[in-house]
């Protein structure tokens, strides 16, 4: 008997230790981690991040947001860089998206937000309402009103939904949960041009794609755009819960005194972890190496699966890659785990690979060999 709600389908494995890019279970067995805790431990189990948290723990681990925070200022500075943004820190991605929805509506005085089919923005009521998957909302209706859903990568579909009450458009540049589906660059540039012309705010959900996952600090940098609002979480604290909202300074007055808040958001432990994570990513050529490792992984997968009828597409950017397949994806995940490799699913027919950004070329080759074995055992190709 369990004392927990059964809202997770849990595998019969418990990871009790970790070392770099490897996980260790209760029996002492070691696994190569190609999930990063669902895109969270982007640096693997990094000793520098651990040390930063330990040092902060010795000083003070919580101070409410009614007092100044030098750590929050430092993390915000590293996220904002040369852009004209300001930051708000919370505890998770869904909280960051809730804040984005509130900011967009308050800043514009309008209520409608256009999101996209197959998107995923979280499970609290606002973020769930912005999610373009009916299965996520099933039996939780009525959802928050004011959301419309366009077809992803279809500008005409988006344009047809715009009204005088449209406050913002909200999207992921790579739809992660629904199958690692990248946005088309031409579509994004059309969208941004239209939004700029019609004073519609652009919200980019970087919760899974941000903090180096695609080979740049933010995925939007691949598209030569400047969003009005950016949401972050997952890899920002490398496993310590933290979320962030970045908003352009020209709309920052909408979040004046008393408009929004959080008790635990931006706490000292989370900020210490985030600061060390960002400092690590800033190291010379770090992001360039992530991009090259992603290209190497993609090329390896394309090479070994080029003649497999059961593999219908391989796509992604940086170290965020999806393998679309006709095989049973849950069996592939289970089989890979048996062979010592931890991977993920996305949507109904995609194997999702989110290895730590610190993965080595040798570890990539190790994972590819295991993946090939798994597909061979389930495929008649």
Protein backbone atom coordinates (compact mmCIF):
# COMPACT_ATOMS: atom_id res chain seq x y z
CA UNK A 1 0.00 0.00 0.00
CA UNK A 2 1.19 3.50 -0.89
CA UNK A 3 0.41 6.67 1.06
CA UNK A 4 0.72 8.73 -2.14
CA UNK A 5 -1.83 9.79 -4.77
CA UNK A 6 -1.44 7.54 -7.79
CA UNK A 7 -1.15 10.38 -10.29
CA UNK A 8 2.25 9.18 -11.56
CA UNK A 9 3.03 5.96 -13.40
CA UNK A 10 6.17 5.15 -11.43
CA UNK A 11 8.78 2.63 -12.60
CA UNK A 12 9.96 0.18 -9.97
CA UNK A 13 13.33 1.93 -9.60
CA UNK A 14 14.52 4.49 -7.06
CA UNK A 15 17.56 6.62 -7.73
CA UNK A 16 19.31 7.27 -4.44
CA UNK A 17 22.67 8.64 -5.60
CA UNK A 18 24.16 10.37 -8.62
CA UNK A 19 27.58 11.05 -10.04
CA UNK A 20 28.00 13.49 -12.91
CA UNK A 21 25.83 12.20 -15.77
CA UNK A 22 25.07 8.86 -14.09
CA UNK A 23 22.28 7.80 -11.71
CA UNK A 24 22.59 5.03 -9.12
CA UNK A 25 19.59 3.03 -7.91
CA UNK A 26 18.77 1.31 -4.62
CA UNK A 27 20.59 -1.84 -5.72
CA UNK A 28 23.78 0.01 -6.64
CA UNK A 29 23.23 -0.25 -10.38
CA UNK A 30 24.44 2.68 -12.53
CA UNK A 31 22.48 4.26 -15.40
CA UNK A 32 23.52 6.79 -18.04
CA UNK A 33 21.06 9.67 -17.74
CA UNK A 34 19.63 10.89 -21.05
CA UNK A 35 16.65 12.57 -19.37
CA UNK A 36 18.27 15.18 -17.07
CA UNK A 37 15.34 14.66 -14.71
CA UNK A 38 13.01 15.81 -17.55
CA UNK A 39 15.31 18.64 -18.61
CA UNK A 40 16.19 19.84 -15.11
CA UNK A 41 19.74 18.75 -14.20
CA UNK A 42 21.20 20.40 -17.29
CA UNK A 43 24.73 20.25 -15.88
CA UNK A 44 24.37 16.73 -14.54
CA UNK A 45 24.93 16.35 -10.81
CA UNK A 46 27.42 19.17 -10.76
CA UNK A 47 29.76 19.50 -7.79
CA UNK A 48 30.14 23.27 -8.17
CA UNK A 49 26.37 23.80 -7.98
CA UNK A 50 26.22 21.51 -4.95
CA UNK A 51 29.01 23.47 -3.25
CA UNK A 52 27.28 26.80 -3.95
CA UNK A 53 24.07 25.55 -2.34
CA UNK A 54 25.97 24.14 0.65
CA UNK A 55 27.78 27.44 1.19
CA UNK A 56 24.52 29.37 1.04
CA UNK A 57 22.89 26.89 3.42
CA UNK A 58 25.55 27.73 5.99
CA UNK A 59 24.62 31.42 5.76
CA UNK A 60 20.83 31.73 5.36
CA UNK A 61 18.42 29.74 3.22
CA UNK A 62 15.33 31.92 3.26
CA UNK A 63 14.55 35.62 3.44
CA UNK A 64 11.13 36.98 2.38
CA UNK A 65 10.76 39.19 -0.65
CA UNK A 66 10.01 42.26 1.46
CA UNK A 67 13.79 42.61 1.83
CA UNK A 68 16.54 43.17 -0.72
CA UNK A 69 18.24 40.22 -2.39
CA UNK A 70 21.70 40.66 -3.90
CA UNK A 71 21.52 37.10 -5.23
CA UNK A 72 18.30 37.79 -7.12
CA UNK A 73 19.90 40.87 -8.66
CA UNK A 74 22.96 38.86 -9.77
CA UNK A 75 20.90 36.06 -11.32
CA UNK A 76 18.64 38.58 -13.06
CA UNK A 77 21.66 40.42 -14.45
CA UNK A 78 23.07 37.22 -15.95
CA UNK A 79 19.72 36.29 -17.51
CA UNK A 80 19.04 39.75 -18.89
CA UNK A 81 22.57 40.46 -20.17
CA UNK A 82 22.31 43.42 -22.62
CA UNK A 83 18.53 43.19 -23.14
CA UNK A 84 16.14 45.67 -21.54
CA UNK A 85 14.26 43.23 -19.28
CA UNK A 86 13.43 42.95 -15.61
CA UNK A 87 12.97 39.69 -13.70
CA UNK A 88 10.55 38.07 -11.27
CA UNK A 89 11.52 34.81 -9.54
CA UNK A 90 9.10 32.07 -8.55
CA UNK A 91 9.31 28.33 -7.86
CA UNK A 92 8.41 26.52 -11.09
CA UNK A 93 7.58 26.73 -14.77
CA UNK A 94 3.84 26.66 -14.26
CA UNK A 95 4.15 29.58 -11.81
CA UNK A 96 6.25 31.49 -14.34
CA UNK A 97 3.55 30.99 -16.97
CA UNK A 98 0.82 32.03 -14.54
CA UNK A 99 2.78 35.23 -13.95
CA UNK A 100 3.19 35.75 -17.72
CA UNK A 101 -0.56 35.47 -18.28
CA UNK A 102 -1.26 37.98 -15.51
CA UNK A 103 1.40 40.39 -16.76
CA UNK A 104 0.14 40.27 -20.37
CA UNK A 105 -3.46 40.92 -19.39
CA UNK A 106 -2.64 43.71 -16.95
CA UNK A 107 -0.10 45.42 -19.22
CA UNK A 108 -2.45 45.50 -22.22
CA UNK A 109 -5.84 45.78 -20.54
CA UNK A 110 -6.98 42.97 -22.84
CA UNK A 111 -7.93 39.41 -21.96
CA UNK A 112 -7.49 37.11 -24.98
CA UNK A 113 -4.33 35.06 -25.39
CA UNK A 114 -3.64 32.93 -28.45
CA UNK A 115 -1.72 29.73 -27.78
CA UNK A 116 -1.16 26.68 -29.98
CA UNK A 117 -2.50 23.18 -30.46
CA UNK A 118 -0.34 20.48 -28.82
CA UNK A 119 1.36 23.03 -26.57
CA UNK A 120 2.12 22.47 -22.89
CA UNK A 121 2.43 25.33 -20.42
CA UNK A 122 1.69 23.73 -17.04
CA UNK A 123 -0.98 22.21 -14.81
CA UNK A 124 -2.23 25.05 -12.62
CA UNK A 125 -5.50 26.53 -13.85
CA UNK A 126 -4.15 29.43 -15.88
CA UNK A 127 -1.26 27.54 -17.43
CA UNK A 128 -3.44 24.47 -18.03
CA UNK A 129 -6.01 26.68 -19.76
CA UNK A 130 -3.22 27.93 -22.05
CA UNK A 131 -2.24 24.35 -22.90
CA UNK A 132 -3.41 23.04 -26.26
CA UNK A 133 -4.03 19.45 -25.20
CA UNK A 134 -7.55 18.37 -24.26
CA UNK A 135 -6.27 15.35 -22.32
CA UNK A 136 -4.55 17.69 -19.85
CA UNK A 137 -7.85 19.49 -19.17
CA UNK A 138 -10.10 16.44 -19.10
CA UNK A 139 -12.48 16.50 -16.12
CA UNK A 140 -11.06 19.81 -14.86
CA UNK A 141 -13.49 22.07 -16.71
CA UNK A 142 -14.45 24.83 -16.67
CA UNK A 143 -11.02 26.20 -17.46
CA UNK A 144 -9.98 29.85 -17.37
CA UNK A 145 -11.66 31.68 -20.28
CA UNK A 146 -9.91 33.83 -22.85
CA UNK A 147 -7.62 31.32 -24.57
CA UNK A 148 -7.72 30.41 -28.26
CA UNK A 149 -5.63 27.80 -30.06
CA UNK A 150 -4.04 28.14 -33.48
CA UNK A 151 -2.37 25.44 -35.53
CA UNK A 152 1.36 25.37 -34.80
CA UNK A 153 3.56 26.65 -37.64
CA UNK A 154 0.50 28.04 -39.47
CA UNK A 155 0.49 31.84 -39.61
CA UNK A 156 -2.92 32.05 -41.29
CA UNK A 157 -4.44 29.97 -38.50
CA UNK A 158 -3.00 32.36 -35.91
CA UNK A 159 -4.04 35.50 -37.80
CA UNK A 160 -7.63 34.28 -38.13
CA UNK A 161 -7.99 34.22 -34.33
CA UNK A 162 -6.78 37.76 -33.66
CA UNK A 163 -9.35 40.29 -32.43
CA UNK A 164 -9.22 43.77 -30.94
CA UNK A 165 -9.10 42.06 -27.51
CA UNK A 166 -5.97 39.98 -28.24
CA UNK A 167 -3.41 40.71 -25.53
CA UNK A 168 -0.66 38.23 -26.40
CA UNK A 169 0.46 35.14 -28.21
CA UNK A 170 2.10 32.40 -26.13
CA UNK A 171 4.23 29.59 -27.51
CA UNK A 172 7.13 27.19 -27.14
CA UNK A 173 9.76 27.41 -29.89
CA UNK A 174 10.11 23.65 -29.60
CA UNK A 175 6.97 21.92 -28.40
CA UNK A 176 8.58 19.47 -25.99
CA UNK A 177 5.84 17.46 -24.31
CA UNK A 178 3.91 16.82 -27.51
CA UNK A 179 6.82 15.41 -29.49
CA UNK A 180 9.84 17.76 -29.81
CA UNK A 181 8.31 19.81 -32.63
CA UNK A 182 10.39 22.89 -33.59
CA UNK A 183 8.81 26.11 -34.79
CA UNK A 184 9.50 27.09 -38.38
CA UNK A 185 11.69 30.21 -38.56
CA UNK A 186 9.61 31.84 -41.31
CA UNK A 187 6.45 31.28 -39.28
CA UNK A 188 8.03 32.87 -36.20
CA UNK A 189 9.26 35.90 -38.12
CA UNK A 190 5.80 36.41 -39.68
CA UNK A 191 4.24 36.09 -36.25
CA UNK A 192 6.62 38.57 -34.63
CA UNK A 193 6.19 41.14 -37.41
CA UNK A 194 2.41 40.92 -37.11
CA UNK A 195 2.51 41.19 -33.31
CA UNK A 196 4.75 44.25 -33.46
CA UNK A 197 2.43 45.93 -35.97
CA UNK A 198 -0.69 45.24 -33.90
CA UNK A 199 0.73 45.77 -30.40
CA UNK A 200 0.29 42.12 -29.37
CA UNK A 201 2.73 40.88 -26.75
CA UNK A 202 4.95 37.89 -27.54
CA UNK A 203 5.33 35.36 -24.71
CA UNK A 204 7.99 32.70 -25.27
CA UNK A 205 7.85 29.69 -22.96
CA UNK A 206 11.52 28.68 -22.53
CA UNK A 207 10.89 26.38 -19.58
CA UNK A 208 12.30 23.33 -21.36
CA UNK A 209 14.32 25.00 -24.13
CA UNK A 210 16.08 27.64 -22.03
CA UNK A 211 19.35 27.68 -20.07
CA UNK A 212 21.51 26.21 -22.83
CA UNK A 213 19.39 23.24 -23.88
CA UNK A 214 19.45 24.15 -27.61
CA UNK A 215 23.06 25.37 -27.73
CA UNK A 216 22.20 28.97 -26.87
CA UNK A 217 21.17 30.39 -23.52
CA UNK A 218 17.64 30.85 -24.91
CA UNK A 219 16.07 29.10 -27.88
CA UNK A 220 14.63 32.39 -29.16
CA UNK A 221 18.19 33.44 -30.07
CA UNK A 222 18.06 30.95 -32.95
CA UNK A 223 15.13 32.90 -34.41
CA UNK A 224 16.56 36.46 -34.26
CA UNK A 225 13.65 37.78 -32.19
CA UNK A 226 13.20 39.73 -28.97
CA UNK A 227 10.17 38.47 -26.96
CA UNK A 228 8.20 40.77 -24.69
CA UNK A 229 7.92 38.09 -22.00
CA UNK A 230 10.07 34.99 -21.38
CA UNK A 231 9.34 32.20 -18.91
CA UNK A 232 12.02 29.94 -17.45
CA UNK A 233 12.40 27.07 -14.98
CA UNK A 234 13.71 23.48 -15.27
CA UNK A 235 17.46 23.87 -15.93
CA UNK A 236 17.78 27.26 -14.24
CA UNK A 237 18.53 25.79 -10.80
CA UNK A 238 20.01 22.50 -12.05
CA UNK A 239 17.62 20.52 -9.86
CA UNK A 240 16.85 23.10 -7.18
CA UNK A 241 13.26 24.32 -7.80
CA UNK A 242 13.18 27.77 -9.36
CA UNK A 243 11.22 29.60 -12.02
CA UNK A 244 11.61 33.02 -13.59
CA UNK A 245 9.67 35.55 -15.61
CA UNK A 246 11.53 38.08 -17.74
CA UNK A 247 9.53 41.02 -19.04
CA UNK A 248 10.55 44.03 -21.08
CA UNK A 249 11.02 47.13 -19.03
CA UNK A 250 8.36 49.05 -20.99
CA UNK A 251 5.64 46.78 -19.54
CA UNK A 252 7.16 46.40 -16.08
CA UNK A 253 4.90 49.01 -14.49
CA UNK A 254 2.05 46.47 -14.76
CA UNK A 255 3.71 44.51 -11.98
CA UNK A 256 3.92 47.36 -9.52
CA UNK A 257 3.72 47.09 -5.75
CA UNK A 258 1.18 44.49 -4.58
CA UNK A 259 0.30 43.18 -8.05
CA UNK A 260 1.97 39.78 -7.81
CA UNK A 261 4.04 37.86 -5.30
CA UNK A 262 5.41 34.63 -3.91
CA UNK A 263 6.54 33.37 -0.52
CA UNK A 264 9.33 31.00 -1.55
CA UNK A 265 10.17 32.37 -5.00
CA UNK A 266 13.74 33.60 -5.38
CA UNK A 267 14.84 32.03 -2.10
CA UNK A 268 18.54 32.02 -1.29
CA UNK A 269 19.20 28.33 -2.06
CA UNK A 270 17.49 28.54 -5.44
CA UNK A 271 19.35 31.72 -6.33
CA UNK A 272 22.72 30.26 -5.28
CA UNK A 273 22.08 27.25 -7.53
CA UNK A 274 20.88 29.42 -10.42
CA UNK A 275 23.85 31.77 -10.17
CA UNK A 276 26.39 28.94 -10.25
CA UNK A 277 24.49 27.26 -13.11
CA UNK A 278 24.61 30.44 -15.19
CA UNK A 279 28.26 31.06 -14.34
CA UNK A 280 29.09 27.55 -15.55
CA UNK A 281 27.20 28.01 -18.81
CA UNK A 282 29.08 31.28 -19.37
CA UNK A 283 32.42 29.45 -19.50
CA UNK A 284 34.28 29.83 -22.79
CA UNK A 285 32.81 27.72 -25.62
CA UNK A 286 30.39 25.89 -23.29
CA UNK A 287 27.26 26.62 -25.34
CA UNK A 288 29.13 26.11 -28.60
CA UNK A 289 30.13 22.65 -27.37
CA UNK A 290 26.48 21.88 -26.49
CA UNK A 291 25.47 22.75 -30.05
CA UNK A 292 28.22 20.56 -31.53
CA UNK A 293 27.33 17.63 -29.26
CA UNK A 294 23.73 17.99 -30.32
CA UNK A 295 24.73 17.90 -33.97
CA UNK A 296 26.86 14.83 -33.30
CA UNK A 297 24.01 13.02 -31.55
CA UNK A 298 21.59 13.93 -34.34
CA UNK A 299 24.04 12.73 -37.01
CA UNK A 300 24.66 9.44 -35.14
CA UNK A 301 20.93 8.79 -34.86
CA UNK A 302 20.28 9.63 -38.51
CA UNK A 303 23.10 7.33 -39.55
CA UNK A 304 22.02 4.25 -37.60
CA UNK A 305 18.28 4.65 -38.20
CA UNK A 306 18.32 5.82 -41.83
CA UNK A 307 16.96 2.50 -43.11
CA UNK A 308 14.58 1.73 -40.23
CA UNK A 309 10.95 1.83 -41.37
CA UNK A 310 9.94 2.05 -37.71
CA UNK A 311 11.73 5.41 -37.33
CA UNK A 312 9.70 8.02 -39.20
CA UNK A 313 11.50 11.21 -38.16
CA UNK A 314 14.40 12.46 -36.05
CA UNK A 315 14.29 16.14 -35.11
CA UNK A 316 15.37 18.73 -32.57
CA UNK A 317 17.96 21.34 -31.77
CA UNK A 318 21.00 21.16 -29.53
CA UNK A 319 20.54 18.45 -26.92
CA UNK A 320 16.75 18.31 -27.24
CA UNK A 321 15.98 15.55 -29.72
CA UNK A 322 12.91 13.49 -30.60
CA UNK A 323 12.81 10.14 -32.39
CA UNK A 324 9.38 9.58 -33.93
CA UNK A 325 8.60 5.90 -34.24
CA UNK A 326 5.91 3.31 -34.89
CA UNK A 327 7.36 1.13 -32.12
CA UNK A 328 5.84 1.03 -28.65
CA UNK A 329 7.62 3.94 -26.97
CA UNK A 330 6.95 2.72 -23.44
CA UNK A 331 8.58 -0.61 -24.26
CA UNK A 332 11.61 1.21 -25.67
CA UNK A 333 11.95 3.28 -22.48
CA UNK A 334 11.65 0.17 -20.31
CA UNK A 335 14.08 -1.81 -22.47
CA UNK A 336 16.62 1.04 -22.44
CA UNK A 337 16.39 1.27 -18.65
CA UNK A 338 17.07 -2.46 -18.41
CA UNK A 339 20.22 -1.84 -20.46
CA UNK A 340 21.31 1.07 -18.25
CA UNK A 341 20.04 4.08 -20.20
CA UNK A 342 17.38 6.53 -18.95
CA UNK A 343 15.29 8.15 -21.70
CA UNK A 344 11.87 9.81 -22.00
CA UNK A 345 8.76 9.82 -24.14
CA UNK A 346 6.89 12.77 -25.66
CA UNK A 347 3.43 12.76 -27.15
CA UNK A 348 2.15 9.37 -28.28
CA UNK A 349 4.96 8.21 -30.57
CA UNK A 350 8.21 10.01 -29.79
CA UNK A 351 11.29 9.03 -27.79
CA UNK A 352 12.65 12.19 -26.20
CA UNK A 353 16.36 12.63 -25.47
CA UNK A 354 17.40 15.35 -23.02
CA UNK A 355 20.94 14.43 -21.93
CA UNK A 356 22.85 16.75 -19.61
CA UNK A 357 24.67 19.54 -21.42
CA UNK A 358 27.83 18.10 -19.88
CA UNK A 359 27.41 14.80 -21.74
CA UNK A 360 30.58 13.57 -23.46
CA UNK A 361 30.98 12.29 -27.02
CA UNK A 362 31.82 8.86 -25.60
CA UNK A 363 28.61 8.85 -23.55
CA UNK A 364 26.64 9.84 -26.65
CA UNK A 365 28.09 6.86 -28.50
CA UNK A 366 27.27 4.59 -25.55
CA UNK A 367 23.65 5.75 -25.59
CA UNK A 368 23.28 5.38 -29.36
CA UNK A 369 24.45 1.75 -29.20
CA UNK A 370 21.82 0.99 -26.55
CA UNK A 371 19.08 2.77 -28.51
CA UNK A 372 19.91 0.73 -31.60
CA UNK A 373 19.68 -2.48 -29.58
CA UNK A 374 16.28 -1.43 -28.21
CA UNK A 375 14.85 -0.65 -31.64
CA UNK A 376 16.29 -3.86 -33.10
CA UNK A 377 14.49 -5.88 -30.43
CA UNK A 378 11.13 -4.22 -31.12
CA UNK A 379 11.37 -3.67 -34.86
CA UNK A 380 11.21 -6.05 -37.78
CA UNK A 381 13.34 -3.75 -39.99
